[in-house]
Structures are given as structure tokens and as C-alpha cells.
C-alpha atoms as a PDB file:
ATOM      1  CA  MET A   1      75.462   1.985 217.843  1.00  0.00           C
ATOM      2  CA  LYS A   2      78.159   4.595 217.122  1.00  0.00           C
ATOM      3  CA  THR A   3      81.685   3.230 216.900  1.00  0.00           C
ATOM      4  CA  VAL A   4      85.093   4.687 216.107  1.00  0.00           C
ATOM      5  CA  SER A   5      85.011   3.122 212.637  1.00  0.00           C
ATOM      6  CA  SER A   6      81.566   4.482 211.835  1.00  0.00           C
ATOM      7  CA  LEU A   7      82.462   8.027 212.899  1.00  0.00           C
ATOM      8  CA  LEU A   8      85.867   8.459 211.216  1.00  0.00           C
ATOM      9  CA  ASP A   9      87.059   8.511 207.624  1.00  0.00           C
ATOM     10  CA  SER A  10      90.264   6.667 206.711  1.00  0.00           C
ATOM     11  CA  ALA A  11      92.609   9.610 207.421  1.00  0.00           C
ATOM     12  CA  TRP A  12      91.203  10.266 210.882  1.00  0.00           C
ATOM     13  CA  HIS A  13      91.079   6.550 211.613  1.00  0.00           C
ATOM     14  CA  GLU A  14      94.810   6.308 210.932  1.00  0.00           C
ATOM     15  CA  ARG A  15      95.409   9.154 213.390  1.00  0.00           C
ATOM     16  CA  TYR A  16      93.242   7.354 215.935  1.00  0.00           C
ATOM     17  CA  LYS A  17      95.180   4.093 215.550  1.00  0.00           C
ATOM     18  CA  LYS A  18      98.498   5.840 216.220  1.00  0.00           C
ATOM     19  CA  ILE A  19      97.373   7.021 219.642  1.00  0.00           C
ATOM     20  CA  SER A  20      94.999   4.246 220.681  1.00  0.00           C
ATOM     21  CA  SER A  21      97.852   1.794 221.187  1.00  0.00           C
ATOM     22  CA  LEU A  22     100.048   4.085 223.311  1.00  0.00           C
ATOM     23  CA  ASN A  23      98.676   2.957 226.695  1.00  0.00           C
ATOM     24  CA  ILE A  24     100.305   5.855 228.572  1.00  0.00           C
ATOM     25  CA  ARG A  25     100.819   5.208 232.302  1.00  0.00           C
ATOM     26  CA  SER A  26     102.277   8.314 233.924  1.00  0.00           C
ATOM     27  CA  SER A  27     103.203   9.394 237.427  1.00  0.00           C
ATOM     28  CA  ILE A  28     104.713  12.604 238.800  1.00  0.00           C
ATOM     29  CA  TYR A  29     107.811  12.855 240.984  1.00  0.00           C
ATOM     30  CA  ASP A  30     109.119  15.669 243.180  1.00  0.00           C
ATOM     31  CA  VAL A  31     112.833  15.450 242.457  1.00  0.00           C
ATOM     32  CA  THR A  32     113.706  17.976 245.159  1.00  0.00           C
ATOM     33  CA  ASN A  33     112.098  20.388 247.624  1.00  0.00           C
ATOM     34  CA  GLN A  34     114.546  23.108 246.617  1.00  0.00           C
ATOM     35  CA  CYS A  35     114.294  25.734 243.889  1.00  0.00           C
ATOM     36  CA  ASN A  36     116.398  28.596 242.546  1.00  0.00           C
ATOM     37  CA  LEU A  37     113.249  30.740 242.156  1.00  0.00           C
ATOM     38  CA  ARG A  38     110.277  31.544 244.363  1.00  0.00           C
ATOM     39  CA  CYS A  39     107.319  32.275 242.104  1.00  0.00           C
ATOM     40  CA  LYS A  40     104.114  33.848 243.385  1.00  0.00           C
ATOM     41  CA  GLY A  41     101.438  31.300 242.617  1.00  0.00           C
ATOM     42  CA  CYS A  42     103.650  28.210 242.573  1.00  0.00           C
ATOM     43  CA  PHE A  43     101.431  25.493 244.039  1.00  0.00           C
ATOM     44  CA  PHE A  44     104.413  23.559 245.397  1.00  0.00           C
ATOM     45  CA  PHE A  45     105.451  26.295 247.811  1.00  0.00           C
ATOM     46  CA  SER A  46     102.084  27.961 248.397  1.00  0.00           C
ATOM     47  CA  SER A  47     100.708  24.636 249.658  1.00  0.00           C
ATOM     48  CA  ASN A  48     103.841  23.911 251.738  1.00  0.00           C
ATOM     49  CA  GLU A  49     104.455  20.713 249.812  1.00  0.00           C
ATOM     50  CA  HIS A  50     108.172  21.479 250.084  1.00  0.00           C
ATOM     51  CA  GLN A  51     107.788  20.689 253.803  1.00  0.00           C
ATOM     52  CA  ALA A  52     105.719  17.519 253.366  1.00  0.00           C
ATOM     53  CA  ALA A  53     108.713  15.189 253.281  1.00  0.00           C
ATOM     54  CA  ASN A  54     112.462  15.156 253.745  1.00  0.00           C
ATOM     55  CA  GLU A  55     114.439  14.594 250.559  1.00  0.00           C
ATOM     56  CA  GLU A  56     115.992  11.197 250.025  1.00  0.00           C
ATOM     57  CA  MET A  57     119.692  11.885 249.490  1.00  0.00           C
ATOM     58  CA  ASP A  58     120.876   8.326 248.778  1.00  0.00           C
ATOM     59  CA  ILE A  59     121.093   7.977 244.989  1.00  0.00           C
ATOM     60  CA  GLY A  60     121.030   4.190 245.324  1.00  0.00           C
ATOM     61  CA  LYS A  61     117.577   4.400 246.886  1.00  0.00           C
ATOM     62  CA  TRP A  62     116.432   6.595 243.994  1.00  0.00           C
ATOM     63  CA  SER A  63     117.623   3.975 241.544  1.00  0.00           C
ATOM     64  CA  ARG A  64     115.828   1.162 243.354  1.00  0.00           C
ATOM     65  CA  PHE A  65     112.668   3.276 243.603  1.00  0.00           C
ATOM     66  CA  VAL A  66     112.637   3.984 239.860  1.00  0.00           C
ATOM     67  CA  GLN A  67     113.059   0.288 239.124  1.00  0.00           C
ATOM     68  CA  LYS A  68     109.992  -0.440 241.278  1.00  0.00           C
ATOM     69  CA  GLU A  69     108.041   2.249 239.436  1.00  0.00           C
ATOM     70  CA  LYS A  70     108.955   0.631 236.134  1.00  0.00           C
ATOM     71  CA  GLU A  71     107.788  -2.717 237.474  1.00  0.00           C
ATOM     72  CA  ARG A  72     104.556  -1.005 238.637  1.00  0.00           C
ATOM     73  CA  GLY A  73     103.827  -0.268 234.983  1.00  0.00           C
ATOM     74  CA  VAL A  74     104.829   3.393 234.738  1.00  0.00           C
ATOM     75  CA  ASN A  75     105.950   4.295 231.205  1.00  0.00           C
ATOM     76  CA  LEU A  76     106.158   8.088 231.617  1.00  0.00           C
ATOM     77  CA  ALA A  77     108.007   9.756 234.497  1.00  0.00           C
ATOM     78  CA  ILE A  78     107.106  13.446 234.855  1.00  0.00           C
ATOM     79  CA  LEU A  79     109.792  15.131 236.945  1.00  0.00           C
ATOM     80  CA  ILE A  80     108.986  18.331 238.800  1.00  0.00           C
ATOM     81  CA  GLY A  81     110.209  19.971 242.001  1.00  0.00           C
ATOM     82  CA  GLY A  82     111.274  22.333 243.276  1.00  0.00           C
ATOM     83  CA  GLU A  83     113.734  22.619 240.435  1.00  0.00           C
ATOM     84  CA  PRO A  84     114.772  19.175 239.094  1.00  0.00           C
ATOM     85  CA  THR A  85     117.958  20.361 237.373  1.00  0.00           C
ATOM     86  CA  LEU A  86     119.531  20.994 240.779  1.00  0.00           C
ATOM     87  CA  TYR A  87     120.000  17.200 241.002  1.00  0.00           C
ATOM     88  CA  LEU A  88     121.059  15.795 237.660  1.00  0.00           C
ATOM     89  CA  ASP A  89     122.013  12.455 239.202  1.00  0.00           C
ATOM     90  CA  ARG A  90     118.389  11.940 240.256  1.00  0.00           C
ATOM     91  CA  LEU A  91     117.210  12.871 236.778  1.00  0.00           C
ATOM     92  CA  GLU A  92     119.608  10.326 235.367  1.00  0.00           C
ATOM     93  CA  THR A  93     118.161   7.471 237.425  1.00  0.00           C
ATOM     94  CA  PHE A  94     114.801   8.054 235.742  1.00  0.00           C
ATOM     95  CA  TYR A  95     116.204   8.768 232.290  1.00  0.00           C
ATOM     96  CA  ASN A  96     118.205   5.532 232.224  1.00  0.00           C
ATOM     97  CA  MET A  97     115.131   3.403 232.961  1.00  0.00           C
ATOM     98  CA  LEU A  98     111.964   5.186 231.822  1.00  0.00           C
ATOM     99  CA  PRO A  99     110.678   7.638 229.208  1.00  0.00           C
ATOM    100  CA  THR A 100     111.300  10.870 231.110  1.00  0.00           C
ATOM    101  CA  TYR A 101     110.004  14.437 230.966  1.00  0.00           C
ATOM    102  CA  CYS A 102     111.635  17.210 232.993  1.00  0.00           C
ATOM    103  CA  ALA A 103     109.762  20.381 233.965  1.00  0.00           C
ATOM    104  CA  THR A 104     112.261  23.168 234.607  1.00  0.00           C
ATOM    105  CA  ASN A 105     112.485  26.944 234.828  1.00  0.00           C
ATOM    106  CA  GLY A 106     115.323  26.765 232.308  1.00  0.00           C
ATOM    107  CA  LEU A 107     117.905  28.677 234.349  1.00  0.00           C
ATOM    108  CA  ILE A 108     120.206  25.635 234.445  1.00  0.00           C
ATOM    109  CA  LYS A 109     120.998  24.096 231.075  1.00  0.00           C
ATOM    110  CA  ILE A 110     120.530  20.339 230.980  1.00  0.00           C
ATOM    111  CA  PRO A 111     123.651  18.816 229.378  1.00  0.00           C
ATOM    112  CA  ARG A 112     122.514  17.171 226.161  1.00  0.00           C
ATOM    113  CA  GLU A 113     125.581  14.941 226.038  1.00  0.00           C
ATOM    114  CA  ARG A 114     124.164  13.330 229.188  1.00  0.00           C
ATOM    115  CA  PHE A 115     120.452  13.555 228.326  1.00  0.00           C
ATOM    116  CA  PRO A 116     120.402  13.656 224.511  1.00  0.00           C
ATOM    117  CA  ASP A 117     116.690  13.126 223.893  1.00  0.00           C
ATOM    118  CA  MET A 118     114.970  13.790 227.218  1.00  0.00           C
ATOM    119  CA  MET A 119     111.914  15.990 226.697  1.00  0.00           C
ATOM    120  CA  VAL A 120     112.233  19.285 228.575  1.00  0.00           C
ATOM    121  CA  GLY A 121     109.383  21.660 229.347  1.00  0.00           C
ATOM    122  CA  ILE A 122     110.382  25.186 230.375  1.00  0.00           C
ATOM    123  CA  SER A 123     107.989  27.148 232.550  1.00  0.00           C
ATOM    124  CA  LEU A 124     107.223  30.697 231.416  1.00  0.00           C
ATOM    125  CA  TRP A 125     104.801  32.988 233.220  1.00  0.00           C
ATOM    126  CA  GLY A 126     104.320  35.789 230.731  1.00  0.00           C
ATOM    127  CA  ASP A 127     106.270  38.624 229.243  1.00  0.00           C
ATOM    128  CA  GLU A 128     109.187  40.400 230.871  1.00  0.00           C
ATOM    129  CA  GLU A 129     106.936  42.530 233.090  1.00  0.00           C
ATOM    130  CA  ASP A 130     104.874  39.670 234.505  1.00  0.00           C
ATOM    131  CA  GLU A 131     107.901  37.408 234.905  1.00  0.00           C
ATOM    132  CA  LYS A 132     109.683  39.991 237.027  1.00  0.00           C
ATOM    133  CA  LEU A 133     106.575  40.565 239.143  1.00  0.00           C
ATOM    134  CA  LEU A 134     105.652  36.905 239.680  1.00  0.00           C
ATOM    135  CA  ARG A 135     109.051  35.221 239.534  1.00  0.00           C
ATOM    136  CA  GLY A 136     111.554  37.938 240.406  1.00  0.00           C
ATOM    137  CA  LYS A 137     113.348  37.923 237.059  1.00  0.00           C
ATOM    138  CA  ASP A 138     112.945  37.624 233.301  1.00  0.00           C
ATOM    139  CA  THR A 139     113.679  33.904 233.016  1.00  0.00           C
ATOM    140  CA  PHE A 140     113.287  33.854 229.236  1.00  0.00           C
ATOM    141  CA  ALA A 141     116.456  35.947 228.881  1.00  0.00           C
ATOM    142  CA  VAL A 142     118.371  32.975 230.285  1.00  0.00           C
ATOM    143  CA  SER A 143     116.322  29.954 229.200  1.00  0.00           C
ATOM    144  CA  GLY A 144     116.006  31.180 225.611  1.00  0.00           C
ATOM    145  CA  LYS A 145     119.791  31.164 225.284  1.00  0.00           C
ATOM    146  CA  ASN A 146     120.189  27.849 227.095  1.00  0.00           C
ATOM    147  CA  TYR A 147     117.782  25.942 224.853  1.00  0.00           C
ATOM    148  CA  LYS A 148     117.691  27.830 221.563  1.00  0.00           C
ATOM    149  CA  GLY A 149     116.833  25.464 218.702  1.00  0.00           C
ATOM    150  CA  ASP A 150     116.657  22.376 220.938  1.00  0.00           C
ATOM    151  CA  PRO A 151     114.351  19.866 219.180  1.00  0.00           C
ATOM    152  CA  ASN A 152     113.396  18.169 222.458  1.00  0.00           C
ATOM    153  CA  THR A 153     112.399  21.308 224.347  1.00  0.00           C
ATOM    154  CA  TYR A 154     109.284  23.449 224.476  1.00  0.00           C
ATOM    155  CA  TYR A 155     107.927  26.268 226.602  1.00  0.00           C
ATOM    156  CA  LEU A 156     105.002  25.715 228.939  1.00  0.00           C
ATOM    157  CA  TYR A 157     103.564  29.227 228.781  1.00  0.00           C
ATOM    158  CA  THR A 158     101.275  29.914 231.736  1.00  0.00           C
ATOM    159  CA  ILE A 159      99.100  32.797 230.587  1.00  0.00           C
ATOM    160  CA  THR A 160      97.998  35.281 233.238  1.00  0.00           C
ATOM    161  CA  PRO A 161      94.936  37.565 233.062  1.00  0.00           C
ATOM    162  CA  LYS A 162      97.281  40.521 232.548  1.00  0.00           C
ATOM    163  CA  GLN A 163      98.672  38.846 229.422  1.00  0.00           C
ATOM    164  CA  VAL A 164      95.356  38.940 227.576  1.00  0.00           C
ATOM    165  CA  GLY A 165      95.838  41.029 224.453  1.00  0.00           C
ATOM    166  CA  ARG A 166      99.633  40.687 224.649  1.00  0.00           C
ATOM    167  CA  ILE A 167     100.204  36.967 224.101  1.00  0.00           C
ATOM    168  CA  GLU A 168     101.643  37.269 220.588  1.00  0.00           C
ATOM    169  CA  HIS A 169     104.697  39.125 221.898  1.00  0.00           C
ATOM    170  CA  VAL A 170     105.650  36.047 223.920  1.00  0.00           C
ATOM    171  CA  ILE A 171     104.785  33.539 221.174  1.00  0.00           C
ATOM    172  CA  SER A 172     106.900  35.431 218.647  1.00  0.00           C
ATOM    173  CA  LYS A 173     109.902  35.421 221.005  1.00  0.00           C
ATOM    174  CA  ILE A 174     109.597  31.659 221.402  1.00  0.00           C
ATOM    175  CA  ALA A 175     109.328  31.210 217.632  1.00  0.00           C
ATOM    176  CA  ASP A 176     112.438  33.362 217.179  1.00  0.00           C
ATOM    177  CA  VAL A 177     114.535  30.959 219.303  1.00  0.00           C
ATOM    178  CA  GLY A 178     113.235  27.978 217.340  1.00  0.00           C
ATOM    179  CA  LEU A 179     111.197  26.309 220.092  1.00  0.00           C
ATOM    180  CA  LYS A 180     107.619  25.101 220.456  1.00  0.00           C
ATOM    181  CA  VAL A 181     105.109  26.304 223.028  1.00  0.00           C
ATOM    182  CA  HIS A 182     102.167  24.811 224.886  1.00  0.00           C
ATOM    183  CA  LEU A 183      99.585  27.075 226.522  1.00  0.00           C
ATOM    184  CA  GLN A 184      97.927  26.875 229.898  1.00  0.00           C
ATOM    185  CA  LEU A 185      96.372  29.344 232.330  1.00  0.00           C
ATOM    186  CA  LEU A 186      97.530  30.635 235.699  1.00  0.00           C
ATOM    187  CA  THR A 187      95.750  29.342 238.773  1.00  0.00           C
ATOM    188  CA  ASN A 188      96.190  32.196 241.244  1.00  0.00           C
ATOM    189  CA  ASP A 189      97.012  30.046 244.285  1.00  0.00           C
ATOM    190  CA  GLU A 190      98.464  32.957 246.254  1.00  0.00           C
ATOM    191  CA  ASN A 191      95.754  35.500 245.426  1.00  0.00           C
ATOM    192  CA  VAL A 192      98.074  38.002 243.779  1.00  0.00           C
ATOM    193  CA  ASP A 193      96.201  41.245 243.073  1.00  0.00           C
ATOM    194  CA  GLY A 194      95.323  41.713 239.421  1.00  0.00           C
ATOM    195  CA  PHE A 195      95.785  38.051 238.487  1.00  0.00           C
ATOM    196  CA  PHE A 196      92.247  36.742 238.943  1.00  0.00           C
ATOM    197  CA  TRP A 197      90.277  35.396 235.986  1.00  0.00           C
ATOM    198  CA  THR A 198      86.879  36.799 235.054  1.00  0.00           C
ATOM    199  CA  GLU A 199      84.389  35.386 232.576  1.00  0.00           C
ATOM    200  CA  GLY A 200      85.224  38.198 230.195  1.00  0.00           C
ATOM    201  CA  LYS A 201      88.964  37.596 230.443  1.00  0.00           C
ATOM    202  CA  LEU A 202      88.504  33.861 229.889  1.00  0.00           C
ATOM    203  CA  LYS A 203      86.398  34.488 226.790  1.00  0.00           C
ATOM    204  CA  ASP A 204      88.997  36.888 225.430  1.00  0.00           C
ATOM    205  CA  VAL A 205      91.969  34.608 226.148  1.00  0.00           C
ATOM    206  CA  ARG A 206      90.242  31.694 224.428  1.00  0.00           C
ATOM    207  CA  ALA A 207      89.842  33.752 221.261  1.00  0.00           C
ATOM    208  CA  GLU A 208      93.448  34.906 221.500  1.00  0.00           C
ATOM    209  CA  MET A 209      94.781  31.365 221.962  1.00  0.00           C
ATOM    210  CA  ASP A 210      92.763  30.232 218.943  1.00  0.00           C
ATOM    211  CA  ASP A 211      94.286  33.092 216.973  1.00  0.00           C
ATOM    212  CA  MET A 212      97.836  32.176 218.033  1.00  0.00           C
ATOM    213  CA  LEU A 213      97.255  28.581 216.939  1.00  0.00           C
ATOM    214  CA  GLU A 214      96.229  29.781 213.490  1.00  0.00           C
ATOM    215  CA  LYS A 215      99.032  32.344 213.136  1.00  0.00           C
ATOM    216  CA  TYR A 216     101.845  30.136 214.535  1.00  0.00           C
ATOM    217  CA  PRO A 217     100.850  26.560 213.592  1.00  0.00           C
ATOM    218  CA  SER A 218     104.439  25.299 213.582  1.00  0.00           C
ATOM    219  CA  THR A 219     105.149  26.815 217.020  1.00  0.00           C
ATOM    220  CA  VAL A 220     102.001  26.367 219.096  1.00  0.00           C
ATOM    221  CA  ILE A 221     101.254  22.782 220.161  1.00  0.00           C
ATOM    222  CA  SER A 222      97.574  22.954 220.994  1.00  0.00           C
ATOM    223  CA  CYS A 223      94.041  22.619 219.655  1.00  0.00           C
ATOM    224  CA  LYS A 224      90.864  24.668 219.878  1.00  0.00           C
ATOM    225  CA  TYR A 225      88.923  22.062 221.828  1.00  0.00           C
ATOM    226  CA  TYR A 226      91.569  22.188 224.560  1.00  0.00           C
ATOM    227  CA  HIS A 227      91.235  25.976 224.611  1.00  0.00           C
ATOM    228  CA  GLU A 228      87.499  25.588 225.080  1.00  0.00           C
ATOM    229  CA  ILE A 229      87.875  23.069 227.905  1.00  0.00           C
ATOM    230  CA  ILE A 230      90.489  24.999 229.872  1.00  0.00           C
ATOM    231  CA  THR A 231      88.740  28.373 229.618  1.00  0.00           C
ATOM    232  CA  THR A 232      85.215  27.151 230.338  1.00  0.00           C
ATOM    233  CA  GLY A 233      86.052  24.345 232.749  1.00  0.00           C
ATOM    234  CA  ARG A 234      83.356  22.304 231.067  1.00  0.00           C
ATOM    235  CA  MET A 235      83.279  19.179 228.923  1.00  0.00           C
ATOM    236  CA  MET A 236      80.156  17.468 227.622  1.00  0.00           C
ATOM    237  CA  LYS A 237      78.011  19.656 229.915  1.00  0.00           C
ATOM    238  CA  ARG A 238      80.050  18.549 232.956  1.00  0.00           C
ATOM    239  CA  ALA A 239      82.108  20.865 235.171  1.00  0.00           C
ATOM    240  CA  PHE A 240      85.738  20.193 236.063  1.00  0.00           C
ATOM    241  CA  GLY A 241      86.392  19.724 239.776  1.00  0.00           C
ATOM    242  CA  TRP A 242      87.172  17.196 242.497  1.00  0.00           C
ATOM    243  CA  ALA A 243      84.423  14.819 241.396  1.00  0.00           C
ATOM    244  CA  GLU A 244      85.762  14.775 237.813  1.00  0.00           C
ATOM    245  CA  CYS A 245      89.540  15.206 238.027  1.00  0.00           C
ATOM    246  CA  PRO A 246      91.420  12.178 236.628  1.00  0.00           C
ATOM    247  CA  SER A 247      94.792  13.100 238.167  1.00  0.00           C
ATOM    248  CA  VAL A 248      94.225  12.045 241.777  1.00  0.00           C
ATOM    249  CA  THR A 249      96.787   9.737 243.390  1.00  0.00           C
ATOM    250  CA  GLU A 250      95.276   6.279 243.084  1.00  0.00           C
ATOM    251  CA  PRO A 251      95.949   4.919 246.620  1.00  0.00           C
ATOM    252  CA  LEU A 252      94.473   8.121 248.112  1.00  0.00           C
ATOM    253  CA  ASP A 253      91.421   8.241 245.847  1.00  0.00           C
ATOM    254  CA  ASN A 254      88.362   7.499 247.981  1.00  0.00           C
ATOM    255  CA  ARG A 255      85.808   9.241 245.775  1.00  0.00           C
ATOM    256  CA  ASN A 256      82.444   7.556 245.434  1.00  0.00           C
ATOM    257  CA  PRO A 257      81.394   7.168 242.730  1.00  0.00           C
ATOM    258  CA  GLN A 258      84.779   6.878 241.049  1.00  0.00           C
ATOM    259  CA  PRO A 259      85.184   9.026 237.928  1.00  0.00           C
ATOM    260  CA  LYS A 260      87.180   8.029 234.873  1.00  0.00           C
ATOM    261  CA  ARG A 261      90.778   8.434 235.998  1.00  0.00           C
ATOM    262  CA  LEU A 262      94.425   7.859 235.142  1.00  0.00           C
ATOM    263  CA  ILE A 263      95.362   4.250 235.852  1.00  0.00           C
ATOM    264  CA  ARG A 264      98.094   3.755 238.474  1.00  0.00           C
ATOM    265  CA  PHE A 265      98.759   7.510 238.719  1.00  0.00           C
ATOM    266  CA  ILE A 266     100.686   8.597 241.826  1.00  0.00           C
ATOM    267  CA  ARG A 267     102.368  11.872 242.661  1.00  0.00           C
ATOM    268  CA  TRP A 268     105.358  11.070 244.823  1.00  0.00           C
ATOM    269  CA  ALA A 269     107.168  13.386 247.238  1.00  0.00           C
ATOM    270  CA  SER A 270     110.958  13.566 247.314  1.00  0.00           C
ATOM    271  CA  ASP A 271     111.295  11.080 250.183  1.00  0.00           C
ATOM    272  CA  LEU A 272     110.046   8.391 247.745  1.00  0.00           C
ATOM    273  CA  GLN A 273     107.409   7.348 250.294  1.00  0.00           C
ATOM    274  CA  THR A 274     104.966  10.232 250.815  1.00  0.00           C
ATOM    275  CA  MET A 275     102.163  10.660 248.284  1.00  0.00           C
ATOM    276  CA  HIS A 276     100.517  13.974 247.400  1.00  0.00           C
ATOM    277  CA  ARG A 277      96.765  14.139 246.767  1.00  0.00           C
ATOM    278  CA  CYS A 278      96.899  15.033 243.081  1.00  0.00           C
ATOM    279  CA  CYS A 279      98.982  16.468 240.262  1.00  0.00           C
ATOM    280  CA  THR A 280      98.905  19.933 241.876  1.00  0.00           C
ATOM    281  CA  SER A 281      98.199  20.458 245.586  1.00  0.00           C
ATOM    282  CA  ALA A 282      95.806  19.453 248.336  1.00  0.00           C
ATOM    283  CA  THR A 283      95.178  23.096 249.228  1.00  0.00           C
ATOM    284  CA  ARG A 284      93.960  24.106 245.767  1.00  0.00           C
ATOM    285  CA  ASP A 285      90.235  24.602 245.190  1.00  0.00           C
ATOM    286  CA  CYS A 286      89.603  22.104 242.399  1.00  0.00           C
ATOM    287  CA  SER A 287      86.778  24.209 240.958  1.00  0.00           C
ATOM    288  CA  THR A 288      89.288  26.977 240.158  1.00  0.00           C
ATOM    289  CA  CYS A 289      92.104  24.711 238.894  1.00  0.00           C
ATOM    290  CA  LYS A 290      93.402  25.656 235.439  1.00  0.00           C
ATOM    291  CA  ASP A 291      96.108  22.995 235.215  1.00  0.00           C
ATOM    292  CA  GLY A 292      96.594  22.131 231.555  1.00  0.00           C
ATOM    293  CA  ALA A 293      97.698  18.509 231.983  1.00  0.00           C
ATOM    294  CA  ALA A 294      94.779  17.745 234.303  1.00  0.00           C
ATOM    295  CA  HIS A 295      92.305  19.115 231.756  1.00  0.00           C
ATOM    296  CA  MET A 296      93.953  17.228 228.882  1.00  0.00           C
ATOM    297  CA  SER A 297      93.817  14.036 230.927  1.00  0.00           C
ATOM    298  CA  TRP A 298      90.156  14.719 231.729  1.00  0.00           C
ATOM    299  CA  VAL A 299      89.402  14.630 228.034  1.00  0.00           C
ATOM    300  CA  MET A 300      91.637  11.641 227.345  1.00  0.00           C
ATOM    301  CA  VAL A 301      90.085   9.297 229.913  1.00  0.00           C
ATOM    302  CA  ASN A 302      86.585  10.128 228.669  1.00  0.00           C
ATOM    303  CA  LYS A 303      86.774   8.694 225.153  1.00  0.00           C
ATOM    304  CA  ARG A 304      83.377   7.002 225.416  1.00  0.00           C
ATOM    305  CA  GLY A 305      81.751  10.361 226.084  1.00  0.00           C
ATOM    306  CA  HIS A 306      83.173  11.633 222.780  1.00  0.00           C
ATOM    307  CA  LEU A 307      81.530   8.944 220.650  1.00  0.00           C
ATOM    308  CA  ASN A 308      78.469  11.137 220.123  1.00  0.00           C
ATOM    309  CA  SER A 309      79.527  12.535 216.770  1.00  0.00           C
ATOM    310  CA  THR A 310      82.394  12.711 214.307  1.00  0.00           C
ATOM    311  CA  LYS A 311      83.382  16.172 215.541  1.00  0.00           C
ATOM    312  CA  ASP A 312      83.382  15.102 219.191  1.00  0.00           C
ATOM    313  CA  LEU A 313      85.650  12.142 218.443  1.00  0.00           C
ATOM    314  CA  GLN A 314      87.965  14.281 216.299  1.00  0.00           C
ATOM    315  CA  ASN A 315      88.231  16.717 219.225  1.00  0.00           C
ATOM    316  CA  TRP A 316      89.210  13.843 221.509  1.00  0.00           C
ATOM    317  CA  ILE A 317      91.859  12.662 219.030  1.00  0.00           C
ATOM    318  CA  GLU A 318      93.392  16.144 218.759  1.00  0.00           C
ATOM    319  CA  VAL A 319      93.721  16.469 222.552  1.00  0.00           C
ATOM    320  CA  TYR A 320      95.247  12.988 222.851  1.00  0.00           C
ATOM    321  CA  GLU A 321      97.687  13.785 220.023  1.00  0.00           C
ATOM    322  CA  MET A 322      98.671  17.016 221.770  1.00  0.00           C
ATOM    323  CA  PHE A 323      99.429  15.211 225.017  1.00  0.00           C
ATOM    324  CA  ALA A 324     101.385  12.506 223.172  1.00  0.00           C
ATOM    325  CA  LYS A 325     103.466  15.115 221.345  1.00  0.00           C
ATOM    326  CA  LEU A 326     104.266  17.029 224.535  1.00  0.00           C
ATOM    327  CA  TYR A 327     105.631  13.887 226.172  1.00  0.00           C
ATOM    328  CA  ARG A 328     107.418  12.448 223.103  1.00  0.00           C
ATOM    329  CA  PHE A 329     105.145   9.490 222.395  1.00  0.00           C
ATOM    330  CA  ILE A 330     104.609  10.745 218.840  1.00  0.00           C
ATOM    331  CA  PRO A 331     106.665  13.300 216.865  1.00  0.00           C
ATOM    332  CA  TRP A 332     105.774  16.968 216.562  1.00  0.00           C
END
């Protein structure tokens, strides 16, 4: 029988021990239905999730809700929107009680005197040309100044098909402002012309992401196994999709048979009562989903499937380490 101890040498076993005890229990929260951008391809607006519930405006109710989430066992609050920085008081209710991650477009600078060590992930949808086309402006020109050199901030770079062959330009800009970057791929939820993935493009972007990891090891937070999973949509000869996704809201998950999934995961709407189907949107075709966190989680919950060989288990460890770094459970 293959076990963790039999597959790993002492160095890898130490890495395994550091992550095996983390017991991450995350949920996702819509802080607001409002945003200061309207990006083509944003699942929140393309699926009309901004109309699914009326925002709770009473900050006392937010505080009581977060306390209940803590009691429910959540130890990682992932705050999205809309744009969370529009309501810093709501952010603060989470930050004061739970390990908190804020996903933002970076146009509003989070005051570090108020949130000194909160992990911030800044969305970036390509170079200047693609940003203007998909988001209406070059957000990096603002966010790069707002967060330059911030040790608790990184860019979540959503690579589009048009970026293939031009990724290094963006990575080098991020390195120049002293920040880290995590890579994921665009899911073209609004069918924007020219932004559809092909097999050839996916093969090319995988090679390019591998190259960026080798050329910018202190900037790019990633691993080659993750690149393989997200570009092929396959793991251990299984295809990603509704039947496999681990990031489905637990009380709404009626799949049979049940796959390996995130324990106690819920994605909450901004009324603090309504639940969304999954970590993205109910209107998305799961077979085309390129969401990076969902694919990382898919690997993470399937440890047993990676006990086939030393290399398989090392791949699993690297993906788990990447996730833990991105959400501040272990240092960079």
C-alpha cells in the first residue's frame, strides 16, 4: 500500500506536514452588488448576480453574520463583489474576526493603517490594450501605484487568448512594482469576439506560463501541474465540470454521487441570506470554466488520487502550497 511516508523523502515530507495541518475552511462573500468598473466577461454581472439579492446596509447585521460564520467553522473569508473596497466598514467586520482575503480591481487603495496585513488580490485582465477593451481603462496604471511594494498584495492576472505570446510584458511590469502574480485564464462568459480559447491557444499558453515561472520565480506564484490542469481541464484522466467541481455551495449541492468537495463551502450574496450555486455563477457552463481557485481546489480535495506515485504526490503538494501562499496560510 502506497502511503505519504513511503512516497516522499524527508524534505518533501516536511513540506507535506506544513500544509496537511492547515484544515482550510473557506467561503466566499459578495460584499456589495456595486462596482466602479463594468468588465466584459465578469461573471457577477453577466449572470445578473448583482440583482439576486438586495444589499444588507445595517453594519450590525454584517457583524453578527460574520460571527455566525466563524462559529460555523469558516477560517478563510474570501471577499468579492462587485467591488469590496466601496464598503470598508463591511471589510472590517470580516477582518476583525476571520483571516480575510479581499479581491479588488485596485482602483481604491485599501488603507494599510486600518488593514495592515489583510491579503489583497488585484484583478488584471491583460496588457493596456486588452484592459481598455474589456474593462474600459488601463487599471494597472492606477493599481500599480496604489500597491507598489506591498508585501500582502499580489495580482490575479487573468490571461486572455489575445495575450498569448505577450504575457512577459505584463509579468515584467508587475515585477517592476515589486508585487507577486498568480495566473489564471479568462472564461469568456459574455462571448466577446476574439476571446475564445482553442486547443492550440491553450497549448501555447501553457508553455508560456511554464516559461514565465522559470524566468520570474520570485514573482510568479504558480506551478507547472496547475498550468497543466487549468489548460487541459483534466486531472488523473478525469474532466473538470459540474460532476467534479469542489466549489459548489454545500446546502445547494444535490449531486449524486457526491464528488470530493470543499467542506462547509458557501457563496453568500450581499443580503447575507441568499446563496449562489458555486464560486462563479449558475449561468456558466461548467465544462468551459477556467476559474483558477476552482481548479486548485479540485486538486486539493483529491489527495488520495495523487498517491499513485512520488511525482503525483509532489504535484499535489505544490498546488496546495500555492493555494496556501495566495491566502496567507504560509509565507511566500
